[in-house]
């Protein structure tokens, strides 16, 4: 692989890793009032399994 290829691949991985860490950090730092709208998947009503 050429030097340009290595630079592009390294830059891409650094961007992906940085974005992942940014998102994880942002979610972890949410206060309880900011995270009230976040629900576990089990509590989400999709409307396709209505009990009659």
C-alpha atoms as a PDB file:
ATOM      1  CA  UNK A   1       0.000   0.000   0.000  1.00  0.00           C
ATOM      2  CA  UNK A   2       1.281   3.462  -0.805  1.00  0.00           C
ATOM      3  CA  UNK A   3       1.941   6.184   1.756  1.00  0.00           C
ATOM      4  CA  UNK A   4      -1.233   8.020   0.698  1.00  0.00           C
ATOM      5  CA  UNK A   5      -3.253   4.854   1.306  1.00  0.00           C
ATOM      6  CA  UNK A   6      -1.833   4.444   4.797  1.00  0.00           C
ATOM      7  CA  UNK A   7      -2.533   8.092   5.607  1.00  0.00           C
ATOM      8  CA  UNK A   8      -6.110   7.801   4.346  1.00  0.00           C
ATOM      9  CA  UNK A   9      -6.736   4.556   6.255  1.00  0.00           C
ATOM     10  CA  UNK A  10      -5.223   5.915   9.476  1.00  0.00           C
ATOM     11  CA  UNK A  11      -7.210   9.135   9.188  1.00  0.00           C
ATOM     12  CA  UNK A  12     -10.420   7.187   8.597  1.00  0.00           C
ATOM     13  CA  UNK A  13      -9.873   4.969  11.638  1.00  0.00           C
ATOM     14  CA  UNK A  14      -8.995   7.961  13.805  1.00  0.00           C
ATOM     15  CA  UNK A  15     -12.186   9.715  12.692  1.00  0.00           C
ATOM     16  CA  UNK A  16     -14.340   6.642  13.413  1.00  0.00           C
ATOM     17  CA  UNK A  17     -12.717   6.106  16.820  1.00  0.00           C
ATOM     18  CA  UNK A  18     -12.990   9.775  17.734  1.00  0.00           C
ATOM     19  CA  UNK A  19     -16.640   9.960  16.726  1.00  0.00           C
ATOM     20  CA  UNK A  20     -17.414   6.800  18.706  1.00  0.00           C
ATOM     21  CA  UNK A  21     -15.720   8.138  21.827  1.00  0.00           C
ATOM     22  CA  UNK A  22     -17.464  11.505  21.422  1.00  0.00           C
ATOM     23  CA  UNK A  23     -20.901   9.846  21.226  1.00  0.00           C
ATOM     24  CA  UNK A  24     -20.266   7.501  24.156  1.00  0.00           C
ATOM     25  CA  UNK A  25     -18.995  10.385  26.280  1.00  0.00           C
ATOM     26  CA  UNK A  26     -22.016  12.512  25.371  1.00  0.00           C
ATOM     27  CA  UNK A  27     -24.469   9.764  26.365  1.00  0.00           C
ATOM     28  CA  UNK A  28     -22.669   8.940  29.610  1.00  0.00           C
ATOM     29  CA  UNK A  29     -22.650  12.587  30.706  1.00  0.00           C
ATOM     30  CA  UNK A  30     -26.426  13.030  30.341  1.00  0.00           C
ATOM     31  CA  UNK A  31     -28.169  14.088  33.512  1.00  0.00           C
ATOM     32  CA  UNK A  32     -31.324  12.337  34.626  1.00  0.00           C
ATOM     33  CA  UNK A  33     -33.548  15.169  33.394  1.00  0.00           C
ATOM     34  CA  UNK A  34     -31.901  15.103  29.970  1.00  0.00           C
ATOM     35  CA  UNK A  35     -32.260  11.322  29.683  1.00  0.00           C
ATOM     36  CA  UNK A  36     -35.962  11.036  30.597  1.00  0.00           C
ATOM     37  CA  UNK A  37     -36.963  10.479  26.970  1.00  0.00           C
ATOM     38  CA  UNK A  38     -34.581   7.509  26.589  1.00  0.00           C
ATOM     39  CA  UNK A  39     -36.504   4.277  27.155  1.00  0.00           C
ATOM     40  CA  UNK A  40     -35.450   0.623  27.091  1.00  0.00           C
ATOM     41  CA  UNK A  41     -36.445  -1.176  23.900  1.00  0.00           C
ATOM     42  CA  UNK A  42     -38.951  -3.300  25.840  1.00  0.00           C
ATOM     43  CA  UNK A  43     -41.008  -0.202  26.772  1.00  0.00           C
ATOM     44  CA  UNK A  44     -41.285   1.243  23.259  1.00  0.00           C
ATOM     45  CA  UNK A  45     -44.794   0.846  21.825  1.00  0.00           C
ATOM     46  CA  UNK A  46     -44.534   0.168  18.097  1.00  0.00           C
ATOM     47  CA  UNK A  47     -48.283  -0.238  17.723  1.00  0.00           C
ATOM     48  CA  UNK A  48     -48.076  -3.506  15.795  1.00  0.00           C
ATOM     49  CA  UNK A  49     -48.967  -5.774  18.715  1.00  0.00           C
ATOM     50  CA  UNK A  50     -52.067  -4.199  20.177  1.00  0.00           C
ATOM     51  CA  UNK A  51     -53.908  -6.329  22.667  1.00  0.00           C
ATOM     52  CA  UNK A  52     -57.653  -6.206  22.309  1.00  0.00           C
END
